[in-house]
Amino acid sequence: APDAAISAFLAGRPTGALLDDLVALLDPSDQLAREGRDGVQQ
């Protein structure tokens, strides 16, 4: 994840719940925006 997101995760954010915060950290929406749905599907 980006450095800012990693720093937030290590500080116990955004929710304080470990699994929820991990899922937020790993959110692949940026990859999807960068590569497009067709690119990821390929």
Full PDB file with SEQRES, HELIX, SHEET, SSBOND, CRYST1, ORIGX, SCALE, CONECT and MASTER records, all heavy atoms in Angstrom:
SEQRES   1 A   42  ALA PRO ASP ALA ALA ILE SER ALA PHE LEU ALA GLY ARG          
SEQRES   2 A   42  PRO THR GLY ALA LEU LEU ASP ASP LEU VAL ALA LEU LEU          
SEQRES   3 A   42  ASP PRO SER ASP GLN LEU ALA ARG GLU GLY ARG ASP GLY          
SEQRES   4 A   42  VAL GLN GLN                                                  
HELIX    1 AA1 ASP A    3  LEU A   10  1                                   8    
HELIX    2 AA2 LEU A   18  LEU A   25  1                                   8    
HELIX    3 AA3 SER A   29  GLN A   41  1                                  13    
CRYST1    1.000    1.000    1.000  90.00  90.00  90.00 P 1           1          
ORIGX1      1.000000  0.000000  0.000000        0.00000                         
ORIGX2      0.000000  1.000000  0.000000        0.00000                         
ORIGX3      0.000000  0.000000  1.000000        0.00000                         
SCALE1      1.000000  0.000000  0.000000        0.00000                         
SCALE2      0.000000  1.000000  0.000000        0.00000                         
SCALE3      0.000000  0.000000  1.000000        0.00000                         
ATOM      1  N   ALA A   1       0.867  -1.181   0.000  1.00  0.00           N  
ATOM      2  CA  ALA A   1       0.000   0.000   0.000  1.00  0.00           C  
ATOM      3  C   ALA A   1       0.904   1.231   0.000  1.00  0.00           C  
ATOM      4  O   ALA A   1       2.110   1.126   0.267  1.00  0.00           O  
ATOM      5  CB  ALA A   1      -0.916   0.001   1.219  1.00  0.00           C  
ATOM      6  N   PRO A   2       0.354   2.402  -0.285  1.00  0.00           N  
ATOM      7  CA  PRO A   2       1.151   3.631  -0.184  1.00  0.00           C  
ATOM      8  C   PRO A   2       1.677   3.843   1.237  1.00  0.00           C  
ATOM      9  O   PRO A   2       1.092   3.353   2.213  1.00  0.00           O  
ATOM     10  CB  PRO A   2       0.150   4.723  -0.582  1.00  0.00           C  
ATOM     11  CG  PRO A   2      -0.887   4.034  -1.396  1.00  0.00           C  
ATOM     12  CD  PRO A   2      -0.996   2.655  -0.806  1.00  0.00           C  
ATOM     13  N   ASP A   3       2.770   4.564   1.347  1.00  0.00           N  
ATOM     14  CA  ASP A   3       3.408   4.776   2.658  1.00  0.00           C  
ATOM     15  C   ASP A   3       2.443   5.383   3.676  1.00  0.00           C  
ATOM     16  O   ASP A   3       2.447   4.990   4.852  1.00  0.00           O  
ATOM     17  CB  ASP A   3       4.628   5.692   2.497  1.00  0.00           C  
ATOM     18  CG  ASP A   3       5.776   5.001   1.764  1.00  0.00           C  
ATOM     19  OD1 ASP A   3       5.742   3.767   1.639  1.00  0.00           O  
ATOM     20  OD2 ASP A   3       6.710   5.699   1.326  1.00  0.00           O  
ATOM     21  N   ALA A   4       1.629   6.340   3.236  1.00  0.00           N  
ATOM     22  CA  ALA A   4       0.709   6.999   4.168  1.00  0.00           C  
ATOM     23  C   ALA A   4      -0.310   6.000   4.720  1.00  0.00           C  
ATOM     24  O   ALA A   4      -0.649   6.033   5.914  1.00  0.00           O  
ATOM     25  CB  ALA A   4      -0.006   8.160   3.482  1.00  0.00           C  
ATOM     26  N   ALA A   5      -0.793   5.104   3.870  1.00  0.00           N  
ATOM     27  CA  ALA A   5      -1.765   4.105   4.316  1.00  0.00           C  
ATOM     28  C   ALA A   5      -1.115   3.112   5.267  1.00  0.00           C  
ATOM     29  O   ALA A   5      -1.731   2.685   6.259  1.00  0.00           O  
ATOM     30  CB  ALA A   5      -2.358   3.381   3.114  1.00  0.00           C  
ATOM     31  N   ILE A   6       0.126   2.746   5.001  1.00  0.00           N  
ATOM     32  CA  ILE A   6       0.837   1.821   5.891  1.00  0.00           C  
ATOM     33  C   ILE A   6       1.057   2.474   7.253  1.00  0.00           C  
ATOM     34  O   ILE A   6       0.861   1.839   8.299  1.00  0.00           O  
ATOM     35  CB  ILE A   6       2.171   1.393   5.263  1.00  0.00           C  
ATOM     36  CG1 ILE A   6       1.903   0.463   4.066  1.00  0.00           C  
ATOM     37  CG2 ILE A   6       3.056   0.689   6.286  1.00  0.00           C  
ATOM     38  CD1 ILE A   6       3.140   0.073   3.307  1.00  0.00           C  
ATOM     39  N   SER A   7       1.445   3.733   7.246  1.00  0.00           N  
ATOM     40  CA  SER A   7       1.649   4.442   8.515  1.00  0.00           C  
ATOM     41  C   SER A   7       0.362   4.493   9.332  1.00  0.00           C  
ATOM     42  O   SER A   7       0.374   4.292  10.554  1.00  0.00           O  
ATOM     43  CB  SER A   7       2.162   5.861   8.248  1.00  0.00           C  
ATOM     44  OG  SER A   7       3.443   5.830   7.634  1.00  0.00           O  
ATOM     45  N   ALA A   8      -0.751   4.742   8.659  1.00  0.00           N  
ATOM     46  CA  ALA A   8      -2.040   4.778   9.349  1.00  0.00           C  
ATOM     47  C   ALA A   8      -2.380   3.406   9.924  1.00  0.00           C  
ATOM     48  O   ALA A   8      -2.848   3.287  11.066  1.00  0.00           O  
ATOM     49  CB  ALA A   8      -3.130   5.247   8.397  1.00  0.00           C  
ATOM     50  N   PHE A   9      -2.134   2.360   9.153  1.00  0.00           N  
ATOM     51  CA  PHE A   9      -2.411   1.003   9.631  1.00  0.00           C  
ATOM     52  C   PHE A   9      -1.574   0.673  10.862  1.00  0.00           C  
ATOM     53  O   PHE A   9      -2.080   0.132  11.852  1.00  0.00           O  
ATOM     54  CB  PHE A   9      -2.146  -0.009   8.519  1.00  0.00           C  
ATOM     55  CG  PHE A   9      -2.232  -1.435   8.965  1.00  0.00           C  
ATOM     56  CD1 PHE A   9      -3.460  -2.037   9.157  1.00  0.00           C  
ATOM     57  CD2 PHE A   9      -1.079  -2.172   9.226  1.00  0.00           C  
ATOM     58  CE1 PHE A   9      -3.550  -3.355   9.599  1.00  0.00           C  
ATOM     59  CE2 PHE A   9      -1.154  -3.479   9.657  1.00  0.00           C  
ATOM     60  CZ  PHE A   9      -2.389  -4.083   9.845  1.00  0.00           C  
ATOM     61  N   LEU A  10      -0.296   0.998  10.803  1.00  0.00           N  
ATOM     62  CA  LEU A  10       0.590   0.695  11.934  1.00  0.00           C  
ATOM     63  C   LEU A  10       0.198   1.471  13.188  1.00  0.00           C  
ATOM     64  O   LEU A  10       0.478   1.033  14.309  1.00  0.00           O  
ATOM     65  CB  LEU A  10       2.042   0.994  11.556  1.00  0.00           C  
ATOM     66  CG  LEU A  10       2.635   0.120  10.450  1.00  0.00           C  
ATOM     67  CD1 LEU A  10       4.065   0.541  10.148  1.00  0.00           C  
ATOM     68  CD2 LEU A  10       2.582  -1.359  10.823  1.00  0.00           C  
ATOM     69  N   ALA A  11      -0.463   2.610  12.987  1.00  0.00           N  
ATOM     70  CA  ALA A  11      -0.920   3.419  14.121  1.00  0.00           C  
ATOM     71  C   ALA A  11      -2.284   2.985  14.634  1.00  0.00           C  
ATOM     72  O   ALA A  11      -2.848   3.625  15.525  1.00  0.00           O  
ATOM     73  CB  ALA A  11      -0.960   4.890  13.715  1.00  0.00           C  
ATOM     74  N   GLY A  12      -2.839   1.897  14.052  1.00  0.00           N  
ATOM     75  CA  GLY A  12      -4.118   1.388  14.538  1.00  0.00           C  
ATOM     76  C   GLY A  12      -5.325   1.975  13.862  1.00  0.00           C  
ATOM     77  O   GLY A  12      -6.446   1.831  14.365  1.00  0.00           O  
ATOM     78  N   ARG A  13      -5.125   2.603  12.729  1.00  0.00           N  
ATOM     79  CA  ARG A  13      -6.247   3.205  12.021  1.00  0.00           C  
ATOM     80  C   ARG A  13      -6.561   2.384  10.759  1.00  0.00           C  
ATOM     81  O   ARG A  13      -5.738   1.567  10.337  1.00  0.00           O  
ATOM     82  CB  ARG A  13      -5.903   4.666  11.655  1.00  0.00           C  
ATOM     83  CG  ARG A  13      -5.633   5.544  12.864  1.00  0.00           C  
ATOM     84  CD  ARG A  13      -5.615   7.015  12.485  1.00  0.00           C  
ATOM     85  NE  ARG A  13      -4.571   7.325  11.523  1.00  0.00           N  
ATOM     86  CZ  ARG A  13      -3.324   7.691  11.844  1.00  0.00           C  
ATOM     87  NH1 ARG A  13      -2.971   7.760  13.112  1.00  0.00           N  
ATOM     88  NH2 ARG A  13      -2.437   7.961  10.920  1.00  0.00           N  
ATOM     89  N   PRO A  14      -7.740   2.563  10.163  1.00  0.00           N  
ATOM     90  CA  PRO A  14      -8.730   3.611  10.458  1.00  0.00           C  
ATOM     91  C   PRO A  14      -9.790   3.247  11.500  1.00  0.00           C  
ATOM     92  O   PRO A  14     -10.461   4.119  12.016  1.00  0.00           O  
ATOM     93  CB  PRO A  14      -9.401   3.833   9.094  1.00  0.00           C  
ATOM     94  CG  PRO A  14      -9.286   2.523   8.408  1.00  0.00           C  
ATOM     95  CD  PRO A  14      -7.997   1.921   8.857  1.00  0.00           C  
ATOM     96  N   THR A  15      -9.951   1.953  11.831  1.00  0.00           N  
ATOM     97  CA  THR A  15     -11.049   1.580  12.729  1.00  0.00           C  
ATOM     98  C   THR A  15     -10.576   1.014  14.057  1.00  0.00           C  
ATOM     99  O   THR A  15     -11.346   0.986  15.015  1.00  0.00           O  
ATOM    100  CB  THR A  15     -11.949   0.528  12.053  1.00  0.00           C  
ATOM    101  OG1 THR A  15     -11.241  -0.727  11.985  1.00  0.00           O  
ATOM    102  CG2 THR A  15     -12.370   0.965  10.661  1.00  0.00           C  
ATOM    103  N   GLY A  16      -9.364   0.521  14.113  1.00  0.00           N  
ATOM    104  CA  GLY A  16      -8.895  -0.162  15.312  1.00  0.00           C  
ATOM    105  C   GLY A  16      -9.149  -1.653  15.292  1.00  0.00           C  
ATOM    106  O   GLY A  16      -8.608  -2.396  16.115  1.00  0.00           O  
ATOM    107  N   ALA A  17      -9.979  -2.129  14.359  1.00  0.00           N  
ATOM    108  CA  ALA A  17     -10.241  -3.561  14.198  1.00  0.00           C  
ATOM    109  C   ALA A  17      -9.256  -4.118  13.176  1.00  0.00           C  
ATOM    110  O   ALA A  17      -9.208  -3.644  12.038  1.00  0.00           O  
ATOM    111  CB  ALA A  17     -11.676  -3.792  13.738  1.00  0.00           C  
ATOM    112  N   LEU A  18      -8.462  -5.104  13.563  1.00  0.00           N  
ATOM    113  CA  LEU A  18      -7.340  -5.545  12.744  1.00  0.00           C  
ATOM    114  C   LEU A  18      -7.762  -6.010  11.357  1.00  0.00           C  
ATOM    115  O   LEU A  18      -7.200  -5.571  10.347  1.00  0.00           O  
ATOM    116  CB  LEU A  18      -6.591  -6.668  13.469  1.00  0.00           C  
ATOM    117  CG  LEU A  18      -5.353  -7.215  12.749  1.00  0.00           C  
ATOM    118  CD1 LEU A  18      -4.348  -6.108  12.457  1.00  0.00           C  
ATOM    119  CD2 LEU A  18      -4.705  -8.322  13.573  1.00  0.00           C  
ATOM    120  N   LEU A  19      -8.746  -6.893  11.266  1.00  0.00           N  
ATOM    121  CA  LEU A  19      -9.135  -7.412   9.961  1.00  0.00           C  
ATOM    122  C   LEU A  19      -9.713  -6.305   9.082  1.00  0.00           C  
ATOM    123  O   LEU A  19      -9.373  -6.196   7.898  1.00  0.00           O  
ATOM    124  CB  LEU A  19     -10.151  -8.553  10.102  1.00  0.00           C  
ATOM    125  CG  LEU A  19     -10.598  -9.187   8.784  1.00  0.00           C  
ATOM    126  CD1 LEU A  19      -9.417  -9.791   8.035  1.00  0.00           C  
ATOM    127  CD2 LEU A  19     -11.670 -10.248   9.031  1.00  0.00           C  
ATOM    128  N   ASP A  20     -10.572  -5.467   9.655  1.00  0.00           N  
ATOM    129  CA  ASP A  20     -11.151  -4.370   8.879  1.00  0.00           C  
ATOM    130  C   ASP A  20     -10.064  -3.435   8.362  1.00  0.00           C  
ATOM    131  O   ASP A  20     -10.108  -2.977   7.215  1.00  0.00           O  
ATOM    132  CB  ASP A  20     -12.137  -3.576   9.736  1.00  0.00           C  
ATOM    133  CG  ASP A  20     -13.409  -4.357  10.039  1.00  0.00           C  
ATOM    134  OD1 ASP A  20     -13.645  -5.377   9.359  1.00  0.00           O  
ATOM    135  OD2 ASP A  20     -14.152  -3.956  10.941  1.00  0.00           O  
ATOM    136  N   ASP A  21      -9.085  -3.148   9.204  1.00  0.00           N  
ATOM    137  CA  ASP A  21      -8.015  -2.234   8.802  1.00  0.00           C  
ATOM    138  C   ASP A  21      -7.116  -2.870   7.743  1.00  0.00           C  
ATOM    139  O   ASP A  21      -6.614  -2.183   6.845  1.00  0.00           O  
ATOM    140  CB  ASP A  21      -7.188  -1.819  10.016  1.00  0.00           C  
ATOM    141  CG  ASP A  21      -7.970  -0.921  10.961  1.00  0.00           C  
ATOM    142  OD1 ASP A  21      -9.080  -0.494  10.582  1.00  0.00           O  
ATOM    143  OD2 ASP A  21      -7.481  -0.662  12.073  1.00  0.00           O  
ATOM    144  N   LEU A  22      -6.914  -4.174   7.838  1.00  0.00           N  
ATOM    145  CA  LEU A  22      -6.129  -4.868   6.813  1.00  0.00           C  
ATOM    146  C   LEU A  22      -6.849  -4.840   5.467  1.00  0.00           C  
ATOM    147  O   LEU A  22      -6.230  -4.613   4.420  1.00  0.00           O  
ATOM    148  CB  LEU A  22      -5.897  -6.326   7.232  1.00  0.00           C  
ATOM    149  CG  LEU A  22      -4.569  -6.662   7.889  1.00  0.00           C  
ATOM    150  CD1 LEU A  22      -4.505  -8.156   8.175  1.00  0.00           C  
ATOM    151  CD2 LEU A  22      -3.387  -6.240   7.035  1.00  0.00           C  
ATOM    152  N   VAL A  23      -8.138  -5.096   5.496  1.00  0.00           N  
ATOM    153  CA  VAL A  23      -8.922  -5.070   4.256  1.00  0.00           C  
ATOM    154  C   VAL A  23      -8.874  -3.685   3.618  1.00  0.00           C  
ATOM    155  O   VAL A  23      -8.724  -3.544   2.404  1.00  0.00           O  
ATOM    156  CB  VAL A  23     -10.377  -5.512   4.532  1.00  0.00           C  
ATOM    157  CG1 VAL A  23     -11.271  -5.222   3.344  1.00  0.00           C  
ATOM    158  CG2 VAL A  23     -10.414  -6.995   4.882  1.00  0.00           C  
ATOM    159  N   ALA A  24      -8.975  -2.646   4.444  1.00  0.00           N  
ATOM    160  CA  ALA A  24      -8.870  -1.289   3.923  1.00  0.00           C  
ATOM    161  C   ALA A  24      -7.490  -1.034   3.336  1.00  0.00           C  
ATOM    162  O   ALA A  24      -7.343  -0.393   2.284  1.00  0.00           O  
ATOM    163  CB  ALA A  24      -9.167  -0.279   5.038  1.00  0.00           C  
ATOM    164  N   LEU A  25      -6.456  -1.550   4.000  1.00  0.00           N  
ATOM    165  CA  LEU A  25      -5.085  -1.365   3.517  1.00  0.00           C  
ATOM    166  C   LEU A  25      -4.872  -2.040   2.168  1.00  0.00           C  
ATOM    167  O   LEU A  25      -4.171  -1.516   1.300  1.00  0.00           O  
ATOM    168  CB  LEU A  25      -4.105  -1.946   4.540  1.00  0.00           C  
ATOM    169  CG  LEU A  25      -2.618  -1.753   4.263  1.00  0.00           C  
ATOM    170  CD1 LEU A  25      -2.223  -0.292   4.457  1.00  0.00           C  
ATOM    171  CD2 LEU A  25      -1.778  -2.663   5.158  1.00  0.00           C  
ATOM    172  N   LEU A  26      -5.487  -3.193   1.978  1.00  0.00           N  
ATOM    173  CA  LEU A  26      -5.277  -4.000   0.767  1.00  0.00           C  
ATOM    174  C   LEU A  26      -6.263  -3.686  -0.347  1.00  0.00           C  
ATOM    175  O   LEU A  26      -6.224  -4.344  -1.389  1.00  0.00           O  
ATOM    176  CB  LEU A  26      -5.360  -5.487   1.123  1.00  0.00           C  
ATOM    177  CG  LEU A  26      -4.364  -5.993   2.168  1.00  0.00           C  
ATOM    178  CD1 LEU A  26      -4.605  -7.472   2.454  1.00  0.00           C  
ATOM    179  CD2 LEU A  26      -2.936  -5.764   1.714  1.00  0.00           C  
ATOM    180  N   ASP A  27      -7.113  -2.724  -0.148  1.00  0.00           N  
ATOM    181  CA  ASP A  27      -8.122  -2.357  -1.152  1.00  0.00           C  
ATOM    182  C   ASP A  27      -7.463  -2.160  -2.516  1.00  0.00           C  
ATOM    183  O   ASP A  27      -6.608  -1.281  -2.680  1.00  0.00           O  
ATOM    184  CB  ASP A  27      -8.817  -1.067  -0.711  1.00  0.00           C  
ATOM    185  CG  ASP A  27      -9.869  -0.599  -1.703  1.00  0.00           C  
ATOM    186  OD1 ASP A  27     -10.187  -1.362  -2.637  1.00  0.00           O  
ATOM    187  OD2 ASP A  27     -10.358   0.536  -1.556  1.00  0.00           O  
ATOM    188  N   PRO A  28      -7.837  -2.963  -3.537  1.00  0.00           N  
ATOM    189  CA  PRO A  28      -7.182  -2.888  -4.843  1.00  0.00           C  
ATOM    190  C   PRO A  28      -7.822  -1.879  -5.805  1.00  0.00           C  
ATOM    191  O   PRO A  28      -7.595  -1.947  -7.009  1.00  0.00           O  
ATOM    192  CB  PRO A  28      -7.339  -4.310  -5.375  1.00  0.00           C  
ATOM    193  CG  PRO A  28      -8.662  -4.740  -4.825  1.00  0.00           C  
ATOM    194  CD  PRO A  28      -8.780  -4.090  -3.455  1.00  0.00           C  
ATOM    195  N   SER A  29      -8.609  -0.957  -5.286  1.00  0.00           N  
ATOM    196  CA  SER A  29      -9.303  -0.012  -6.167  1.00  0.00           C  
ATOM    197  C   SER A  29      -8.327   0.823  -6.997  1.00  0.00           C  
ATOM    198  O   SER A  29      -8.604   1.152  -8.154  1.00  0.00           O  
ATOM    199  CB  SER A  29     -10.214   0.904  -5.347  1.00  0.00           C  
ATOM    200  OG  SER A  29     -11.226   0.153  -4.705  1.00  0.00           O  
ATOM    201  N   ASP A  30      -7.175   1.171  -6.412  1.00  0.00           N  
ATOM    202  CA  ASP A  30      -6.188   1.953  -7.160  1.00  0.00           C  
ATOM    203  C   ASP A  30      -5.638   1.156  -8.337  1.00  0.00           C  
ATOM    204  O   ASP A  30      -5.434   1.702  -9.426  1.00  0.00           O  
ATOM    205  CB  ASP A  30      -5.039   2.391  -6.246  1.00  0.00           C  
ATOM    206  CG  ASP A  30      -5.454   3.492  -5.291  1.00  0.00           C  
ATOM    207  OD1 ASP A  30      -6.527   4.096  -5.503  1.00  0.00           O  
ATOM    208  OD2 ASP A  30      -4.703   3.759  -4.329  1.00  0.00           O  
ATOM    209  N   GLN A  31      -5.382  -0.132  -8.126  1.00  0.00           N  
ATOM    210  CA  GLN A  31      -4.909  -0.980  -9.225  1.00  0.00           C  
ATOM    211  C   GLN A  31      -5.954  -1.051 -10.321  1.00  0.00           C  
ATOM    212  O   GLN A  31      -5.637  -0.986 -11.514  1.00  0.00           O  
ATOM    213  CB  GLN A  31      -4.593  -2.391  -8.726  1.00  0.00           C  
ATOM    214  CG  GLN A  31      -4.143  -3.334  -9.846  1.00  0.00           C  
ATOM    215  CD  GLN A  31      -4.140  -4.797  -9.430  1.00  0.00           C  
ATOM    216  OE1 GLN A  31      -4.657  -5.146  -8.364  1.00  0.00           O  
ATOM    217  NE2 GLN A  31      -3.568  -5.650 -10.248  1.00  0.00           N  
ATOM    218  N   LEU A  32      -7.208  -1.180  -9.925  1.00  0.00           N  
ATOM    219  CA  LEU A  32      -8.282  -1.246 -10.906  1.00  0.00           C  
ATOM    220  C   LEU A  32      -8.359   0.038 -11.708  1.00  0.00           C  
ATOM    221  O   LEU A  32      -8.535   0.017 -12.932  1.00  0.00           O  
ATOM    222  CB  LEU A  32      -9.610  -1.515 -10.201  1.00  0.00           C  
ATOM    223  CG  LEU A  32     -10.816  -1.740 -11.095  1.00  0.00           C  
ATOM    224  CD1 LEU A  32     -10.657  -3.007 -11.915  1.00  0.00           C  
ATOM    225  CD2 LEU A  32     -12.091  -1.813 -10.261  1.00  0.00           C  
ATOM    226  N   ALA A  33      -8.219   1.178 -11.031  1.00  0.00           N  
ATOM    227  CA  ALA A  33      -8.257   2.460 -11.733  1.00  0.00           C  
ATOM    228  C   ALA A  33      -7.074   2.606 -12.682  1.00  0.00           C  
ATOM    229  O   ALA A  33      -7.194   3.178 -13.779  1.00  0.00           O  
ATOM    230  CB  ALA A  33      -8.269   3.610 -10.719  1.00  0.00           C  
ATOM    231  N   ARG A  34      -5.931   2.084 -12.273  1.00  0.00           N  
ATOM    232  CA  ARG A  34      -4.715   2.217 -13.076  1.00  0.00           C  
ATOM    233  C   ARG A  34      -4.738   1.294 -14.297  1.00  0.00           C  
ATOM    234  O   ARG A  34      -4.382   1.699 -15.406  1.00  0.00           O  
ATOM    235  CB  ARG A  34      -3.497   1.906 -12.199  1.00  0.00           C  
ATOM    236  CG  ARG A  34      -2.158   2.069 -12.880  1.00  0.00           C  
ATOM    237  CD  ARG A  34      -1.027   1.885 -11.891  1.00  0.00           C  
ATOM    238  NE  ARG A  34      -1.047   0.589 -11.238  1.00  0.00           N  
ATOM    239  CZ  ARG A  34      -1.390   0.389  -9.972  1.00  0.00           C  
ATOM    240  NH1 ARG A  34      -1.749   1.398  -9.209  1.00  0.00           N  
ATOM    241  NH2 ARG A  34      -1.375  -0.835  -9.447  1.00  0.00           N  
ATOM    242  N   GLU A  35      -5.155   0.049 -14.110  1.00  0.00           N  
ATOM    243  CA  GLU A  35      -5.067  -0.938 -15.175  1.00  0.00           C  
ATOM    244  C   GLU A  35      -6.377  -1.121 -15.925  1.00  0.00           C  
ATOM    245  O   GLU A  35      -6.376  -1.654 -17.036  1.00  0.00           O  
ATOM    246  CB  GLU A  35      -4.612  -2.276 -14.597  1.00  0.00           C  
ATOM    247  CG  GLU A  35      -3.240  -2.208 -13.936  1.00  0.00           C  
ATOM    248  CD  GLU A  35      -2.788  -3.552 -13.392  1.00  0.00           C  
ATOM    249  OE1 GLU A  35      -3.526  -4.547 -13.579  1.00  0.00           O  
ATOM    250  OE2 GLU A  35      -1.702  -3.616 -12.792  1.00  0.00           O  
ATOM    251  N   GLY A  36      -7.495  -0.700 -15.333  1.00  0.00           N  
ATOM    252  CA  GLY A  36      -8.784  -0.880 -15.970  1.00  0.00           C  
ATOM    253  C   GLY A  36      -9.312  -2.290 -15.762  1.00  0.00           C  
ATOM    254  O   GLY A  36      -8.546  -3.244 -15.555  1.00  0.00           O  
ATOM    255  N   ARG A  37     -10.626  -2.408 -15.810  1.00  0.00           N  
ATOM    256  CA  ARG A  37     -11.226  -3.726 -15.598  1.00  0.00           C  
ATOM    257  C   ARG A  37     -10.758  -4.724 -16.650  1.00  0.00           C  
ATOM    258  O   ARG A  37     -10.461  -5.885 -16.330  1.00  0.00           O  
ATOM    259  CB  ARG A  37     -12.747  -3.614 -15.632  1.00  0.00           C  
ATOM    260  CG  ARG A  37     -13.450  -4.923 -15.290  1.00  0.00           C  
ATOM    261  CD  ARG A  37     -14.959  -4.764 -15.263  1.00  0.00           C  
ATOM    262  NE  ARG A  37     -15.592  -5.971 -14.768  1.00  0.00           N  
ATOM    263  CZ  ARG A  37     -15.869  -7.042 -15.510  1.00  0.00           C  
ATOM    264  NH1 ARG A  37     -15.569  -7.029 -16.783  1.00  0.00           N  
ATOM    265  NH2 ARG A  37     -16.428  -8.104 -14.972  1.00  0.00           N  
ATOM    266  N   ASP A  38     -10.658  -4.283 -17.905  1.00  0.00           N  
ATOM    267  CA  ASP A  38     -10.234  -5.198 -18.962  1.00  0.00           C  
ATOM    268  C   ASP A  38      -8.807  -5.682 -18.730  1.00  0.00           C  
ATOM    269  O   ASP A  38      -8.495  -6.857 -18.953  1.00  0.00           O  
ATOM    270  CB  ASP A  38     -10.335  -4.516 -20.328  1.00  0.00           C  
ATOM    271  CG  ASP A  38     -11.780  -4.308 -20.765  1.00  0.00           C  
ATOM    272  OD1 ASP A  38     -12.680  -4.938 -20.176  1.00  0.00           O  
ATOM    273  OD2 ASP A  38     -12.005  -3.510 -21.698  1.00  0.00           O  
ATOM    274  N   GLY A  39      -7.933  -4.776 -18.280  1.00  0.00           N  
ATOM    275  CA  GLY A  39      -6.554  -5.159 -18.044  1.00  0.00           C  
ATOM    276  C   GLY A  39      -6.417  -6.188 -16.943  1.00  0.00           C  
ATOM    277  O   GLY A  39      -5.655  -7.162 -17.069  1.00  0.00           O  
ATOM    278  N   VAL A  40      -7.152  -5.999 -15.862  1.00  0.00           N  
ATOM    279  CA  VAL A  40      -7.105  -6.961 -14.758  1.00  0.00           C  
ATOM    280  C   VAL A  40      -7.730  -8.285 -15.186  1.00  0.00           C  
ATOM    281  O   VAL A  40      -7.214  -9.365 -14.869  1.00  0.00           O  
ATOM    282  CB  VAL A  40      -7.820  -6.393 -13.518  1.00  0.00           C  
ATOM    283  CG1 VAL A  40      -7.865  -7.430 -12.399  1.00  0.00           C  
ATOM    284  CG2 VAL A  40      -7.116  -5.129 -13.038  1.00  0.00           C  
ATOM    285  N   GLN A  41      -8.824  -8.227 -15.941  1.00  0.00           N  
ATOM    286  CA  GLN A  41      -9.458  -9.453 -16.413  1.00  0.00           C  
ATOM    287  C   GLN A  41      -8.528 -10.227 -17.348  1.00  0.00           C  
ATOM    288  O   GLN A  41      -8.459 -11.470 -17.291  1.00  0.00           O  
ATOM    289  CB  GLN A  41     -10.763  -9.133 -17.135  1.00  0.00           C  
ATOM    290  CG  GLN A  41     -11.548 -10.358 -17.585  1.00  0.00           C  
ATOM    291  CD  GLN A  41     -12.016 -11.195 -16.418  1.00  0.00           C  
ATOM    292  OE1 GLN A  41     -12.824 -10.746 -15.620  1.00  0.00           O  
ATOM    293  NE2 GLN A  41     -11.506 -12.417 -16.299  1.00  0.00           N  
ATOM    294  N   GLN A  42      -7.782  -9.507 -18.197  1.00  0.00           N  
ATOM    295  CA  GLN A  42      -6.825 -10.171 -19.075  1.00  0.00           C  
ATOM    296  C   GLN A  42      -5.755 -10.901 -18.271  1.00  0.00           C  
ATOM    297  O   GLN A  42      -5.358 -12.015 -18.615  1.00  0.00           O  
ATOM    298  CB  GLN A  42      -6.188  -9.152 -20.014  1.00  0.00           C  
ATOM    299  CG  GLN A  42      -7.112  -8.677 -21.122  1.00  0.00           C  
ATOM    300  CD  GLN A  42      -6.515  -7.540 -21.925  1.00  0.00           C  
ATOM    301  OE1 GLN A  42      -5.598  -6.846 -21.486  1.00  0.00           O  
ATOM    302  NE2 GLN A  42      -7.031  -7.333 -23.129  1.00  0.00           N  
TER     303      GLN A  42                                                      
MASTER        0    0    0    3    0    0    0    6  302    1    0    4          
END                                                                             
